[in-house]
């Protein structure tokens, strides 16, 4: 009987120990689960904050991109119209050079328009002027800010290659011939000055002897000063066409906003 009581006593102690152990294990499990939950909440909070920050940065970057694209597009639209006017003007001068060449080579051609074409040739000039400020703003901020690769490439090609190439041509080739032209005209013809109604002074070519267009070698030189014009027209035409295409691309991109 005593042995049975002792066994029961030890059995109860063992059960109590097991219960304590299980309870401790449950508490550790609960603490671990709680700690894990806290960690997960912190991680989720960080990820949400990063996502919000990324979204905000993306919105800011897109807003900046659209602003830059609008500015460069507006400037190009103005330059496109100016370029169209300049091209018509230069093509008219080309026709005058051609007409003078025809007169020089064929004495049967009427010279009634000689003074008109000489005035066109004498007065023409061209100052290359393109508003590159918006592009420079994009470039300084980083061309990578432009998300559309086609627009980015077209901007680089137009402003980084076509425009500088044309500017060099006009400054280093066309202007030299313009100076030569002035000297030749002054030597071939009498230039008469006269007052204008706005208190300014103008001038015109006075043709004292039409035979110089047939006999004087400097008239041949005068005609040759027009040789850079076809190249100038070709370059400006390429710029205008590239601008037109780029304007369409940017208009389409802006519509997405």
Protein backbone atom coordinates (compact mmCIF):
# COMPACT_ATOMS: atom_id res chain seq x y z
CA UNK A 1 0.00 0.00 0.00
CA UNK A 2 2.88 2.34 0.89
CA UNK A 3 4.57 1.48 -2.37
CA UNK A 4 1.45 2.38 -4.31
CA UNK A 5 1.25 5.77 -2.58
CA UNK A 6 4.86 6.56 -3.36
CA UNK A 7 4.35 5.66 -7.00
CA UNK A 8 1.29 7.91 -7.15
CA UNK A 9 3.23 10.72 -5.53
CA UNK A 10 6.10 10.53 -7.99
CA UNK A 11 3.64 10.19 -10.83
CA UNK A 12 1.93 13.42 -9.81
CA UNK A 13 5.29 15.18 -9.55
CA UNK A 14 6.21 13.93 -13.00
CA UNK A 15 2.89 15.11 -14.43
CA UNK A 16 3.42 18.52 -12.84
CA UNK A 17 6.90 18.72 -14.32
CA UNK A 18 5.55 17.78 -17.72
CA UNK A 19 2.80 20.38 -17.39
CA UNK A 20 5.36 23.03 -16.41
CA UNK A 21 7.60 22.04 -19.29
CA UNK A 22 4.72 22.17 -21.77
CA UNK A 23 3.60 25.50 -20.35
CA UNK A 24 7.11 26.93 -20.66
CA UNK A 25 7.38 25.63 -24.18
CA UNK A 26 4.00 27.17 -25.03
CA UNK A 27 5.08 30.50 -23.58
CA UNK A 28 8.33 30.43 -25.57
CA UNK A 29 6.36 29.57 -28.68
CA UNK A 30 3.95 32.41 -28.04
CA UNK A 31 6.80 34.84 -27.42
CA UNK A 32 8.55 33.67 -30.58
CA UNK A 33 5.35 34.00 -32.63
CA UNK A 34 4.79 37.48 -31.20
CA UNK A 35 8.36 38.54 -31.95
CA UNK A 36 8.11 37.13 -35.45
CA UNK A 37 4.84 39.00 -35.98
CA UNK A 38 6.46 42.24 -34.83
CA UNK A 39 9.37 41.71 -37.20
CA UNK A 40 7.01 40.98 -40.06
CA UNK A 41 5.02 44.15 -39.32
CA UNK A 42 8.21 46.22 -39.32
CA UNK A 43 9.36 44.67 -42.61
CA UNK A 44 5.95 45.21 -44.19
CA UNK A 45 5.97 48.81 -42.99
CA UNK A 46 9.41 49.40 -44.47
CA UNK A 47 8.37 47.84 -47.78
CA UNK A 48 5.23 49.99 -47.92
CA UNK A 49 7.26 53.10 -47.13
CA UNK A 50 9.77 52.21 -49.85
CA UNK A 51 6.96 51.60 -52.31
CA UNK A 52 5.36 54.96 -51.48
CA UNK A 53 8.72 56.71 -51.77
CA UNK A 54 9.42 54.97 -55.09
CA UNK A 55 5.98 55.96 -56.40
CA UNK A 56 6.51 59.57 -55.31
CA UNK A 57 9.92 59.68 -56.96
CA UNK A 58 8.46 58.18 -60.13
CA UNK A 59 5.70 60.81 -60.18
CA UNK A 60 8.22 63.61 -59.65
CA UNK A 61 10.49 62.21 -62.37
CA UNK A 62 7.58 61.91 -64.80
CA UNK A 63 6.38 65.43 -64.02
CA UNK A 64 9.90 66.76 -64.66
CA UNK A 65 10.14 64.77 -67.90
CA UNK A 66 6.82 66.10 -69.19
CA UNK A 67 7.76 69.67 -68.30
CA UNK A 68 11.05 69.38 -70.18
CA UNK A 69 9.36 67.78 -73.18
CA UNK A 70 6.72 70.53 -73.33
CA UNK A 71 9.39 73.22 -73.26
CA UNK A 72 11.54 71.68 -75.97
CA UNK A 73 8.46 70.94 -78.07
CA UNK A 74 7.17 74.51 -77.88
CA UNK A 75 10.60 75.85 -78.85
CA UNK A 76 10.84 73.42 -81.77
CA UNK A 77 7.40 74.40 -83.07
CA UNK A 78 8.50 78.03 -83.22
CA UNK A 79 11.81 77.09 -84.86
CA UNK A 80 10.00 74.82 -87.31
CA UNK A 81 7.86 77.71 -88.55
CA UNK A 82 10.89 79.99 -88.76
CA UNK A 83 12.83 77.31 -90.62
CA UNK A 84 10.00 76.94 -93.15
CA UNK A 85 10.10 80.69 -93.82
CA UNK A 86 13.88 80.71 -94.15
CA UNK A 87 13.82 77.80 -96.59
CA UNK A 88 11.34 79.59 -98.86
CA UNK A 89 13.58 82.65 -98.72
CA UNK A 90 16.77 80.74 -99.56
CA UNK A 91 15.07 78.84 -102.36
CA UNK A 92 14.04 82.17 -103.85
CA UNK A 93 17.67 83.28 -103.74
CA UNK A 94 18.69 80.03 -105.44
CA UNK A 95 16.28 80.81 -108.26
CA UNK A 96 17.86 84.26 -108.65
CA UNK A 97 21.36 82.75 -108.90
CA UNK A 98 20.02 80.34 -111.50
CA UNK A 99 18.34 83.16 -113.47
CA UNK A 100 21.56 85.21 -113.49
CA UNK A 101 23.49 82.18 -114.73
CA UNK A 102 20.99 81.66 -117.57
CA UNK A 103 21.27 85.34 -118.57
CA UNK A 104 25.07 85.21 -118.56
CA UNK A 105 25.18 82.11 -120.75
CA UNK A 106 22.47 83.06 -123.22
CA UNK A 107 22.30 86.61 -124.60
CA UNK A 108 18.92 85.92 -126.15
CA UNK A 109 17.36 85.66 -122.67
CA UNK A 110 15.62 88.84 -121.54
CA UNK A 111 17.45 90.89 -118.92
CA UNK A 112 14.35 92.79 -117.79
CA UNK A 113 14.54 91.07 -114.39
CA UNK A 114 18.30 91.53 -114.03
CA UNK A 115 18.06 94.23 -111.38
CA UNK A 116 15.47 92.19 -109.42
CA UNK A 117 17.69 89.10 -109.25
CA UNK A 118 20.80 91.14 -108.48
CA UNK A 119 18.99 92.75 -105.55
CA UNK A 120 17.95 89.33 -104.27
CA UNK A 121 21.52 88.07 -104.46
CA UNK A 122 22.97 91.24 -102.96
CA UNK A 123 20.65 91.48 -99.97
CA UNK A 124 20.38 87.88 -98.88
CA UNK A 125 22.03 86.59 -95.74
CA UNK A 126 21.22 84.10 -93.05
CA UNK A 127 21.90 83.99 -89.34
CA UNK A 128 21.57 80.49 -87.93
CA UNK A 129 19.31 80.78 -84.88
CA UNK A 130 17.79 77.80 -83.09
CA UNK A 131 16.57 77.85 -79.49
CA UNK A 132 18.63 75.09 -77.86
CA UNK A 133 18.03 76.21 -74.25
CA UNK A 134 15.28 73.64 -73.50
CA UNK A 135 17.47 70.84 -74.82
CA UNK A 136 20.42 72.06 -72.78
CA UNK A 137 18.14 71.94 -69.73
CA UNK A 138 17.27 68.33 -70.49
CA UNK A 139 20.91 67.49 -71.10
CA UNK A 140 22.07 69.05 -67.83
CA UNK A 141 19.36 67.17 -65.94
CA UNK A 142 20.28 63.93 -67.68
CA UNK A 143 18.94 62.59 -70.97
CA UNK A 144 18.15 59.37 -69.11
CA UNK A 145 15.23 61.28 -67.54
CA UNK A 146 13.49 60.94 -70.93
CA UNK A 147 11.86 57.53 -70.65
CA UNK A 148 10.95 57.13 -74.33
CA UNK A 149 14.13 55.86 -76.05
CA UNK A 150 13.00 57.02 -79.51
CA UNK A 151 12.50 60.58 -78.29
CA UNK A 152 15.81 60.45 -76.43
CA UNK A 153 17.69 59.28 -79.52
CA UNK A 154 16.02 61.84 -81.79
CA UNK A 155 16.86 64.67 -79.38
CA UNK A 156 20.48 63.58 -79.30
CA UNK A 157 20.71 63.30 -83.08
CA UNK A 158 18.99 66.61 -83.83
CA UNK A 159 20.62 68.80 -81.18
CA UNK A 160 23.87 66.90 -80.87
CA UNK A 161 24.64 66.39 -84.56
CA UNK A 162 22.39 68.02 -87.17
CA UNK A 163 22.20 71.48 -85.62
CA UNK A 164 25.93 71.83 -84.80
CA UNK A 165 26.83 70.54 -88.28
CA UNK A 166 24.55 73.07 -89.99
CA UNK A 167 25.77 75.89 -87.78
CA UNK A 168 29.38 75.10 -88.70
CA UNK A 169 28.50 75.01 -92.40
CA UNK A 170 26.77 78.40 -92.27
CA UNK A 171 29.45 80.07 -90.17
CA UNK A 172 32.48 78.63 -91.89
CA UNK A 173 31.31 78.24 -95.51
CA UNK A 174 28.23 80.29 -96.34
CA UNK A 175 29.33 83.47 -94.57
CA UNK A 176 32.68 83.47 -96.34
CA UNK A 177 30.90 83.50 -99.69
CA UNK A 178 28.57 86.27 -98.50
CA UNK A 179 31.58 88.50 -97.85
CA UNK A 180 33.03 87.62 -101.25
CA UNK A 181 29.71 88.40 -102.89
CA UNK A 182 29.58 91.90 -101.36
CA UNK A 183 33.06 92.74 -102.62
CA UNK A 184 32.28 91.50 -106.13
CA UNK A 185 28.98 93.41 -106.40
CA UNK A 186 30.61 96.61 -105.16
CA UNK A 187 33.26 96.24 -107.84
CA UNK A 188 30.84 95.42 -110.67
CA UNK A 189 28.02 97.88 -110.06
CA UNK A 190 27.34 101.29 -108.62
CA UNK A 191 25.49 101.11 -105.30
CA UNK A 192 23.22 104.10 -104.77
CA UNK A 193 22.14 105.12 -101.27
CA UNK A 194 18.86 106.90 -100.58
CA UNK A 195 16.76 107.97 -97.56
CA UNK A 196 13.66 106.10 -96.47
CA UNK A 197 10.46 107.36 -94.84
CA UNK A 198 11.45 105.88 -91.47
CA UNK A 199 14.62 108.03 -91.39
CA UNK A 200 16.84 105.08 -92.26
CA UNK A 201 19.14 104.78 -95.25
CA UNK A 202 18.79 102.09 -97.89
CA UNK A 203 20.66 101.27 -101.07
CA UNK A 204 20.14 99.67 -104.45
CA UNK A 205 22.16 98.37 -107.37
CA UNK A 206 22.43 100.72 -110.34
CA UNK A 207 23.29 98.86 -113.54
CA UNK A 208 25.19 101.30 -115.73
CA UNK A 209 26.34 98.71 -118.26
CA UNK A 210 24.55 95.38 -118.65
CA UNK A 211 27.32 93.99 -120.79
CA UNK A 212 29.38 93.24 -117.66
CA UNK A 213 27.27 90.14 -117.08
CA UNK A 214 28.62 88.70 -120.32
CA UNK A 215 32.15 90.02 -120.39
CA UNK A 216 33.43 90.67 -116.90
CA UNK A 217 35.07 87.66 -115.17
CA UNK A 218 34.00 88.95 -111.75
CA UNK A 219 30.36 88.37 -112.69
CA UNK A 220 31.22 84.69 -113.14
CA UNK A 221 32.83 84.78 -109.69
CA UNK A 222 29.71 86.45 -108.30
CA UNK A 223 27.52 83.63 -109.54
CA UNK A 224 29.86 81.05 -108.04
CA UNK A 225 29.41 82.60 -104.56
CA UNK A 226 26.00 80.93 -104.56
CA UNK A 227 27.47 77.42 -104.54
CA UNK A 228 26.89 76.82 -100.75
CA UNK A 229 23.17 77.54 -101.09
CA UNK A 230 22.07 74.03 -102.22
CA UNK A 231 24.00 72.49 -99.32
CA UNK A 232 22.48 75.00 -96.89
CA UNK A 233 18.97 74.30 -98.14
CA UNK A 234 19.60 70.54 -97.91
CA UNK A 235 20.82 70.79 -94.32
CA UNK A 236 17.99 73.05 -93.19
CA UNK A 237 15.45 70.80 -94.90
CA UNK A 238 16.85 67.81 -93.01
CA UNK A 239 16.59 69.76 -89.74
CA UNK A 240 13.01 70.77 -90.43
CA UNK A 241 11.97 67.21 -91.30
CA UNK A 242 13.66 65.86 -88.19
CA UNK A 243 11.97 68.51 -86.08
CA UNK A 244 8.60 67.64 -87.55
CA UNK A 245 9.04 63.96 -86.70
CA UNK A 246 10.26 64.72 -83.19
CA UNK A 247 7.37 67.12 -82.57
CA UNK A 248 4.94 64.33 -83.48
CA UNK A 249 6.68 61.90 -81.13
CA UNK A 250 6.59 64.35 -78.23
CA UNK A 251 2.96 65.31 -78.89
CA UNK A 252 2.06 61.62 -78.68
CA UNK A 253 4.06 61.19 -75.46
CA UNK A 254 2.43 64.24 -73.87
CA UNK A 255 -1.02 62.87 -74.69
CA UNK A 256 -0.24 59.85 -72.48
CA UNK A 257 -0.12 62.10 -69.43
